[in-house]
């Protein structure tokens, strides 16, 4: 599922729950470069709750996902050294 599809799914869910349309991000509002969330349409993590900004254009949920991908990639490169 791409960022646009995730964005539309979150928007539809928010509208179903709150019974009002979620406003689009205003020009200049921060939007996550990975998933497209913004302040009025935040990602929600099971453990941490709604996301927050860790960079100007990266939310905490996506930052954690990216960090996990990097950790998996590096774990394959690290091999135990023998005697």
PDB file of N, CA and C in Angstrom:
ATOM      1  N   UNK A   1       0.854  -1.172   0.000  1.00  0.00           N
ATOM      2  CA  UNK A   1       0.000   0.000   0.000  1.00  0.00           C
ATOM      3  C   UNK A   1       0.899   1.233   0.000  1.00  0.00           C
ATOM      4  N   UNK A   2       0.664   2.114  -0.936  1.00  0.00           N
ATOM      5  CA  UNK A   2       1.474   3.309  -1.055  1.00  0.00           C
ATOM      6  C   UNK A   2       1.012   4.432  -0.137  1.00  0.00           C
ATOM      7  N   UNK A   3       1.807   5.511  -0.063  1.00  0.00           N
ATOM      8  CA  UNK A   3       1.453   6.645   0.805  1.00  0.00           C
ATOM      9  C   UNK A   3       0.086   7.244   0.490  1.00  0.00           C
ATOM     10  N   UNK A   4      -0.258   7.349  -0.799  1.00  0.00           N
ATOM     11  CA  UNK A   4      -1.554   7.938  -1.153  1.00  0.00           C
ATOM     12  C   UNK A   4      -2.708   7.063  -0.680  1.00  0.00           C
ATOM     13  N   UNK A   5      -2.548   5.757  -0.811  1.00  0.00           N
ATOM     14  CA  UNK A   5      -3.599   4.843  -0.357  1.00  0.00           C
ATOM     15  C   UNK A   5      -3.725   4.872   1.167  1.00  0.00           C
ATOM     16  N   UNK A   6      -2.595   4.933   1.877  1.00  0.00           N
ATOM     17  CA  UNK A   6      -2.627   5.018   3.337  1.00  0.00           C
ATOM     18  C   UNK A   6      -3.314   6.304   3.775  1.00  0.00           C
ATOM     19  N   UNK A   7      -2.980   7.395   3.084  1.00  0.00           N
ATOM     20  CA  UNK A   7      -3.585   8.690   3.402  1.00  0.00           C
ATOM     21  C   UNK A   7      -5.102   8.623   3.230  1.00  0.00           C
ATOM     22  N   UNK A   8      -5.559   8.067   2.133  1.00  0.00           N
ATOM     23  CA  UNK A   8      -7.002   7.987   1.879  1.00  0.00           C
ATOM     24  C   UNK A   8      -7.697   7.076   2.881  1.00  0.00           C
ATOM     25  N   UNK A   9      -7.050   5.999   3.275  1.00  0.00           N
ATOM     26  CA  UNK A   9      -7.624   5.099   4.267  1.00  0.00           C
ATOM     27  C   UNK A   9      -7.771   5.795   5.620  1.00  0.00           C
ATOM     28  N   UNK A  10      -6.723   6.514   6.045  1.00  0.00           N
ATOM     29  CA  UNK A  10      -6.805   7.245   7.319  1.00  0.00           C
ATOM     30  C   UNK A  10      -7.861   8.334   7.262  1.00  0.00           C
ATOM     31  N   UNK A  11      -7.950   9.040   6.131  1.00  0.00           N
ATOM     32  CA  UNK A  11      -8.951  10.092   5.979  1.00  0.00           C
ATOM     33  C   UNK A  11     -10.356   9.510   6.085  1.00  0.00           C
ATOM     34  N   UNK A  12     -10.600   8.401   5.407  1.00  0.00           N
ATOM     35  CA  UNK A  12     -11.922   7.777   5.448  1.00  0.00           C
ATOM     36  C   UNK A  12     -12.252   7.281   6.855  1.00  0.00           C
ATOM     37  N   UNK A  13     -11.273   6.713   7.538  1.00  0.00           N
ATOM     38  CA  UNK A  13     -11.493   6.246   8.899  1.00  0.00           C
ATOM     39  C   UNK A  13     -11.819   7.407   9.834  1.00  0.00           C
ATOM     40  N   UNK A  14     -11.051   8.495   9.726  1.00  0.00           N
ATOM     41  CA  UNK A  14     -11.304   9.662  10.573  1.00  0.00           C
ATOM     42  C   UNK A  14     -12.697  10.233  10.316  1.00  0.00           C
ATOM     43  N   UNK A  15     -13.100  10.289   9.052  1.00  0.00           N
ATOM     44  CA  UNK A  15     -14.438  10.800   8.733  1.00  0.00           C
ATOM     45  C   UNK A  15     -15.514   9.882   9.294  1.00  0.00           C
ATOM     46  N   UNK A  16     -15.302   8.561   9.250  1.00  0.00           N
ATOM     47  CA  UNK A  16     -16.289   7.616   9.769  1.00  0.00           C
ATOM     48  C   UNK A  16     -16.410   7.734  11.284  1.00  0.00           C
ATOM     49  N   UNK A  17     -15.294   7.932  11.955  1.00  0.00           N
ATOM     50  CA  UNK A  17     -15.302   8.018  13.415  1.00  0.00           C
ATOM     51  C   UNK A  17     -15.874   9.339  13.889  1.00  0.00           C
ATOM     52  N   UNK A  18     -15.425  10.440  13.315  1.00  0.00           N
ATOM     53  CA  UNK A  18     -15.803  11.767  13.803  1.00  0.00           C
ATOM     54  C   UNK A  18     -16.995  12.367  13.079  1.00  0.00           C
ATOM     55  N   UNK A  19     -17.452  11.729  12.005  1.00  0.00           N
ATOM     56  CA  UNK A  19     -18.629  12.169  11.265  1.00  0.00           C
ATOM     57  C   UNK A  19     -18.490  13.563  10.659  1.00  0.00           C
ATOM     58  N   UNK A  20     -17.257  14.023  10.486  1.00  0.00           N
ATOM     59  CA  UNK A  20     -17.011  15.292   9.793  1.00  0.00           C
ATOM     60  C   UNK A  20     -15.819  15.085   8.865  1.00  0.00           C
ATOM     61  N   UNK A  21     -15.791  15.791   7.744  1.00  0.00           N
ATOM     62  CA  UNK A  21     -14.647  15.654   6.843  1.00  0.00           C
ATOM     63  C   UNK A  21     -13.355  16.166   7.498  1.00  0.00           C
ATOM     64  N   UNK A  22     -12.275  15.435   7.288  1.00  0.00           N
ATOM     65  CA  UNK A  22     -10.968  15.870   7.772  1.00  0.00           C
ATOM     66  C   UNK A  22     -10.463  16.925   6.801  1.00  0.00           C
ATOM     67  N   UNK A  23     -10.056  18.088   7.294  1.00  0.00           N
ATOM     68  CA  UNK A  23      -9.578  19.126   6.385  1.00  0.00           C
ATOM     69  C   UNK A  23      -8.255  18.709   5.745  1.00  0.00           C
ATOM     70  N   UNK A  24      -8.023  19.124   4.515  1.00  0.00           N
ATOM     71  CA  UNK A  24      -6.730  18.824   3.894  1.00  0.00           C
ATOM     72  C   UNK A  24      -5.641  19.658   4.573  1.00  0.00           C
ATOM     73  N   UNK A  25      -4.391  19.248   4.442  1.00  0.00           N
ATOM     74  CA  UNK A  25      -3.336  20.064   5.022  1.00  0.00           C
ATOM     75  C   UNK A  25      -3.278  21.425   4.325  1.00  0.00           C
ATOM     76  N   UNK A  26      -3.086  22.451   5.095  1.00  0.00           N
ATOM     77  CA  UNK A  26      -2.968  23.799   4.531  1.00  0.00           C
ATOM     78  C   UNK A  26      -1.588  23.952   3.902  1.00  0.00           C
ATOM     79  N   UNK A  27      -1.454  24.831   2.941  1.00  0.00           N
ATOM     80  CA  UNK A  27      -0.132  25.069   2.360  1.00  0.00           C
ATOM     81  C   UNK A  27       0.868  25.437   3.461  1.00  0.00           C
ATOM     82  N   UNK A  28       1.997  24.757   3.456  1.00  0.00           N
ATOM     83  CA  UNK A  28       3.025  25.020   4.455  1.00  0.00           C
ATOM     84  C   UNK A  28       2.940  24.119   5.676  1.00  0.00           C
ATOM     85  N   UNK A  29       1.818  23.389   5.862  1.00  0.00           N
ATOM     86  CA  UNK A  29       1.718  22.446   6.970  1.00  0.00           C
ATOM     87  C   UNK A  29       2.680  21.289   6.722  1.00  0.00           C
ATOM     88  N   UNK A  30       3.285  20.752   7.784  1.00  0.00           N
ATOM     89  CA  UNK A  30       4.162  19.603   7.577  1.00  0.00           C
ATOM     90  C   UNK A  30       3.360  18.373   7.169  1.00  0.00           C
ATOM     91  N   UNK A  31       3.891  17.636   6.197  1.00  0.00           N
ATOM     92  CA  UNK A  31       3.290  16.396   5.715  1.00  0.00           C
ATOM     93  C   UNK A  31       4.406  15.356   5.675  1.00  0.00           C
ATOM     94  N   UNK A  32       4.143  14.184   6.199  1.00  0.00           N
ATOM     95  CA  UNK A  32       5.159  13.130   6.250  1.00  0.00           C
ATOM     96  C   UNK A  32       5.523  12.679   4.838  1.00  0.00           C
ATOM     97  N   UNK A  33       6.807  12.624   4.569  1.00  0.00           N
ATOM     98  CA  UNK A  33       7.278  12.217   3.239  1.00  0.00           C
ATOM     99  C   UNK A  33       7.057  10.733   2.962  1.00  0.00           C
ATOM    100  N   UNK A  34       6.833   9.933   3.993  1.00  0.00           N
ATOM    101  CA  UNK A  34       6.662   8.495   3.820  1.00  0.00           C
ATOM    102  C   UNK A  34       5.193   8.094   3.688  1.00  0.00           C
ATOM    103  N   UNK A  35       4.328   8.582   4.568  1.00  0.00           N
ATOM    104  CA  UNK A  35       2.938   8.102   4.588  1.00  0.00           C
ATOM    105  C   UNK A  35       1.908   9.180   4.256  1.00  0.00           C
ATOM    106  N   UNK A  36       2.304  10.442   4.257  1.00  0.00           N
ATOM    107  CA  UNK A  36       1.368  11.510   3.914  1.00  0.00           C
ATOM    108  C   UNK A  36       0.524  12.016   5.064  1.00  0.00           C
ATOM    109  N   UNK A  37       0.814  11.584   6.302  1.00  0.00           N
ATOM    110  CA  UNK A  37       0.017  12.085   7.432  1.00  0.00           C
ATOM    111  C   UNK A  37       0.363  13.547   7.714  1.00  0.00           C
ATOM    112  N   UNK A  38      -0.528  14.218   8.428  1.00  0.00           N
ATOM    113  CA  UNK A  38      -0.288  15.590   8.868  1.00  0.00           C
ATOM    114  C   UNK A  38      -0.981  15.773  10.204  1.00  0.00           C
ATOM    115  N   UNK A  39      -0.915  16.961  10.759  1.00  0.00           N
ATOM    116  CA  UNK A  39      -1.378  17.189  12.131  1.00  0.00           C
ATOM    117  C   UNK A  39      -2.825  16.777  12.383  1.00  0.00           C
ATOM    118  N   UNK A  40      -3.708  16.945  11.423  1.00  0.00           N
ATOM    119  CA  UNK A  40      -5.116  16.610  11.626  1.00  0.00           C
ATOM    120  C   UNK A  40      -5.443  15.182  11.210  1.00  0.00           C
ATOM    121  N   UNK A  41      -4.444  14.451  10.724  1.00  0.00           N
ATOM    122  CA  UNK A  41      -4.661  13.097  10.223  1.00  0.00           C
ATOM    123  C   UNK A  41      -3.434  12.255  10.560  1.00  0.00           C
ATOM    124  N   UNK A  42      -3.127  12.144  11.852  1.00  0.00           N
ATOM    125  CA  UNK A  42      -1.905  11.494  12.317  1.00  0.00           C
ATOM    126  C   UNK A  42      -1.981   9.979  12.222  1.00  0.00           C
ATOM    127  N   UNK A  43      -0.805   9.356  12.055  1.00  0.00           N
ATOM    128  CA  UNK A  43      -0.696   7.891  12.158  1.00  0.00           C
ATOM    129  C   UNK A  43      -0.906   7.523  13.625  1.00  0.00           C
ATOM    130  N   UNK A  44      -1.324   6.311  13.865  1.00  0.00           N
ATOM    131  CA  UNK A  44      -1.475   5.844  15.242  1.00  0.00           C
ATOM    132  C   UNK A  44      -0.719   4.534  15.385  1.00  0.00           C
ATOM    133  N   UNK A  45       0.196   4.496  16.343  1.00  0.00           N
ATOM    134  CA  UNK A  45       0.963   3.295  16.654  1.00  0.00           C
ATOM    135  C   UNK A  45       0.289   2.594  17.828  1.00  0.00           C
ATOM    136  N   UNK A  46       0.255   1.270  17.809  1.00  0.00           N
ATOM    137  CA  UNK A  46      -0.399   0.509  18.878  1.00  0.00           C
ATOM    138  C   UNK A  46       0.191   0.825  20.253  1.00  0.00           C
ATOM    139  N   UNK A  47       1.486   1.056  20.310  1.00  0.00           N
ATOM    140  CA  UNK A  47       2.154   1.238  21.599  1.00  0.00           C
ATOM    141  C   UNK A  47       2.344   2.706  21.978  1.00  0.00           C
ATOM    142  N   UNK A  48       2.630   3.551  20.989  1.00  0.00           N
ATOM    143  CA  UNK A  48       2.955   4.951  21.275  1.00  0.00           C
ATOM    144  C   UNK A  48       1.812   5.921  21.041  1.00  0.00           C
ATOM    145  N   UNK A  49       0.717   5.470  20.442  1.00  0.00           N
ATOM    146  CA  UNK A  49      -0.396   6.369  20.163  1.00  0.00           C
ATOM    147  C   UNK A  49      -0.145   7.196  18.916  1.00  0.00           C
ATOM    148  N   UNK A  50      -0.735   8.399  18.819  1.00  0.00           N
ATOM    149  CA  UNK A  50      -0.576   9.238  17.629  1.00  0.00           C
ATOM    150  C   UNK A  50       0.882   9.627  17.410  1.00  0.00           C
ATOM    151  N   UNK A  51       1.239   9.748  16.148  1.00  0.00           N
ATOM    152  CA  UNK A  51       2.621  10.094  15.812  1.00  0.00           C
ATOM    153  C   UNK A  51       2.926  11.549  16.147  1.00  0.00           C
ATOM    154  N   UNK A  52       4.199  11.873  16.102  1.00  0.00           N
ATOM    155  CA  UNK A  52       4.681  13.235  16.292  1.00  0.00           C
ATOM    156  C   UNK A  52       5.804  13.449  15.292  1.00  0.00           C
ATOM    157  N   UNK A  53       6.215  14.682  15.146  1.00  0.00           N
ATOM    158  CA  UNK A  53       7.253  15.011  14.159  1.00  0.00           C
ATOM    159  C   UNK A  53       8.641  14.770  14.734  1.00  0.00           C
ATOM    160  N   UNK A  54       9.434  13.966  14.025  1.00  0.00           N
ATOM    161  CA  UNK A  54      10.826  13.754  14.420  1.00  0.00           C
ATOM    162  C   UNK A  54      11.754  14.533  13.493  1.00  0.00           C
ATOM    163  N   UNK A  55      11.266  14.860  12.315  1.00  0.00           N
ATOM    164  CA  UNK A  55      11.932  15.742  11.369  1.00  0.00           C
ATOM    165  C   UNK A  55      10.848  16.622  10.766  1.00  0.00           C
ATOM    166  N   UNK A  56      11.253  17.603  10.010  1.00  0.00           N
ATOM    167  CA  UNK A  56      10.286  18.536   9.424  1.00  0.00           C
ATOM    168  C   UNK A  56       9.248  17.808   8.561  1.00  0.00           C
ATOM    169  N   UNK A  57       9.662  16.713   7.913  1.00  0.00           N
ATOM    170  CA  UNK A  57       8.754  16.002   7.019  1.00  0.00           C
ATOM    171  C   UNK A  57       8.758  14.486   7.267  1.00  0.00           C
ATOM    172  N   UNK A  58       8.953  14.075   8.535  1.00  0.00           N
ATOM    173  CA  UNK A  58       8.963  12.657   8.878  1.00  0.00           C
ATOM    174  C   UNK A  58       8.305  12.449  10.236  1.00  0.00           C
ATOM    175  N   UNK A  59       7.260  11.591  10.262  1.00  0.00           N
ATOM    176  CA  UNK A  59       6.567  11.334  11.526  1.00  0.00           C
ATOM    177  C   UNK A  59       7.272  10.221  12.303  1.00  0.00           C
ATOM    178  N   UNK A  60       6.944  10.102  13.576  1.00  0.00           N
ATOM    179  CA  UNK A  60       7.598   9.143  14.454  1.00  0.00           C
ATOM    180  C   UNK A  60       7.336   7.696  14.046  1.00  0.00           C
ATOM    181  N   UNK A  61       6.145   7.392  13.549  1.00  0.00           N
ATOM    182  CA  UNK A  61       5.817   6.023  13.147  1.00  0.00           C
ATOM    183  C   UNK A  61       6.669   5.619  11.940  1.00  0.00           C
ATOM    184  N   UNK A  62       6.777   6.484  10.957  1.00  0.00           N
ATOM    185  CA  UNK A  62       7.583   6.176   9.771  1.00  0.00           C
ATOM    186  C   UNK A  62       9.071   6.151  10.110  1.00  0.00           C
ATOM    187  N   UNK A  63       9.502   7.020  11.013  1.00  0.00           N
ATOM    188  CA  UNK A  63      10.913   7.011  11.422  1.00  0.00           C
ATOM    189  C   UNK A  63      11.256   5.673  12.063  1.00  0.00           C
ATOM    190  N   UNK A  64      10.379   5.147  12.893  1.00  0.00           N
ATOM    191  CA  UNK A  64      10.617   3.846  13.529  1.00  0.00           C
ATOM    192  C   UNK A  64      10.651   2.736  12.486  1.00  0.00           C
ATOM    193  N   UNK A  65       9.773   2.802  11.495  1.00  0.00           N
ATOM    194  CA  UNK A  65       9.772   1.798  10.427  1.00  0.00           C
ATOM    195  C   UNK A  65      11.065   1.848   9.624  1.00  0.00           C
ATOM    196  N   UNK A  66      11.512   3.057   9.287  1.00  0.00           N
ATOM    197  CA  UNK A  66      12.755   3.205   8.533  1.00  0.00           C
ATOM    198  C   UNK A  66      13.947   2.709   9.343  1.00  0.00           C
ATOM    199  N   UNK A  67      13.960   3.012  10.630  1.00  0.00           N
ATOM    200  CA  UNK A  67      15.043   2.563  11.493  1.00  0.00           C
ATOM    201  C   UNK A  67      15.074   1.033  11.569  1.00  0.00           C
ATOM    202  N   UNK A  68      13.913   0.405  11.640  1.00  0.00           N
ATOM    203  CA  UNK A  68      13.845  -1.058  11.678  1.00  0.00           C
ATOM    204  C   UNK A  68      14.360  -1.667  10.371  1.00  0.00           C
ATOM    205  N   UNK A  69      14.032  -1.036   9.233  1.00  0.00           N
ATOM    206  CA  UNK A  69      14.537  -1.523   7.946  1.00  0.00           C
ATOM    207  C   UNK A  69      16.054  -1.458   7.905  1.00  0.00           C
ATOM    208  N   UNK A  70      16.611  -0.354   8.367  1.00  0.00           N
ATOM    209  CA  UNK A  70      18.065  -0.188   8.378  1.00  0.00           C
ATOM    210  C   UNK A  70      18.708  -1.218   9.296  1.00  0.00           C
ATOM    211  N   UNK A  71      18.121  -1.433  10.458  1.00  0.00           N
ATOM    212  CA  UNK A  71      18.668  -2.407  11.400  1.00  0.00           C
ATOM    213  C   UNK A  71      18.669  -3.807  10.785  1.00  0.00           C
ATOM    214  N   UNK A  72      17.593  -4.181  10.083  1.00  0.00           N
ATOM    215  CA  UNK A  72      17.542  -5.491   9.427  1.00  0.00           C
ATOM    216  C   UNK A  72      18.597  -5.592   8.336  1.00  0.00           C
ATOM    217  N   UNK A  73      18.775  -4.518   7.579  1.00  0.00           N
ATOM    218  CA  UNK A  73      19.767  -4.532   6.499  1.00  0.00           C
ATOM    219  C   UNK A  73      21.178  -4.696   7.058  1.00  0.00           C
ATOM    220  N   UNK A  74      21.486  -3.969   8.128  1.00  0.00           N
ATOM    221  CA  UNK A  74      22.822  -4.061   8.709  1.00  0.00           C
ATOM    222  C   UNK A  74      23.043  -5.379   9.433  1.00  0.00           C
ATOM    223  N   UNK A  75      22.010  -5.979   9.966  1.00  0.00           N
ATOM    224  CA  UNK A  75      22.191  -7.238  10.681  1.00  0.00           C
ATOM    225  C   UNK A  75      22.673  -8.330   9.741  1.00  0.00           C
ATOM    226  N   UNK A  76      22.301  -8.255   8.495  1.00  0.00           N
ATOM    227  CA  UNK A  76      22.772  -9.225   7.505  1.00  0.00           C
ATOM    228  C   UNK A  76      24.217  -9.012   7.113  1.00  0.00           C
ATOM    229  N   UNK A  77      24.725  -7.803   7.321  1.00  0.00           N
ATOM    230  CA  UNK A  77      26.111  -7.500   6.965  1.00  0.00           C
ATOM    231  C   UNK A  77      27.095  -7.854   8.074  1.00  0.00           C
ATOM    232  N   UNK A  78      26.622  -7.894   9.293  1.00  0.00           N
ATOM    233  CA  UNK A  78      27.499  -8.170  10.431  1.00  0.00           C
ATOM    234  C   UNK A  78      27.607  -9.684  10.625  1.00  0.00           C
ATOM    235  N   UNK A  79      28.814 -10.179  10.526  1.00  0.00           N
ATOM    236  CA  UNK A  79      29.051 -11.605  10.740  1.00  0.00           C
ATOM    237  C   UNK A  79      29.998 -11.765  11.927  1.00  0.00           C
ATOM    238  N   UNK A  80      29.798 -12.823  12.660  1.00  0.00           N
ATOM    239  CA  UNK A  80      30.690 -13.061  13.786  1.00  0.00           C
ATOM    240  C   UNK A  80      32.063 -13.459  13.264  1.00  0.00           C
ATOM    241  N   UNK A  81      33.070 -12.900  13.901  1.00  0.00           N
ATOM    242  CA  UNK A  81      34.433 -13.229  13.502  1.00  0.00           C
ATOM    243  C   UNK A  81      34.876 -14.481  14.256  1.00  0.00           C
ATOM    244  N   UNK A  82      35.536 -15.360  13.547  1.00  0.00           N
ATOM    245  CA  UNK A  82      36.032 -16.595  14.152  1.00  0.00           C
ATOM    246  C   UNK A  82      37.386 -16.379  14.808  1.00  0.00           C
ATOM    247  N   UNK A  83      37.940 -17.436  15.443  1.00  0.00           N
ATOM    248  CA  UNK A  83      39.258 -17.302  16.114  1.00  0.00           C
ATOM    249  C   UNK A  83      40.398 -17.050  15.168  1.00  0.00           C
TER     250      UNK A  83
END
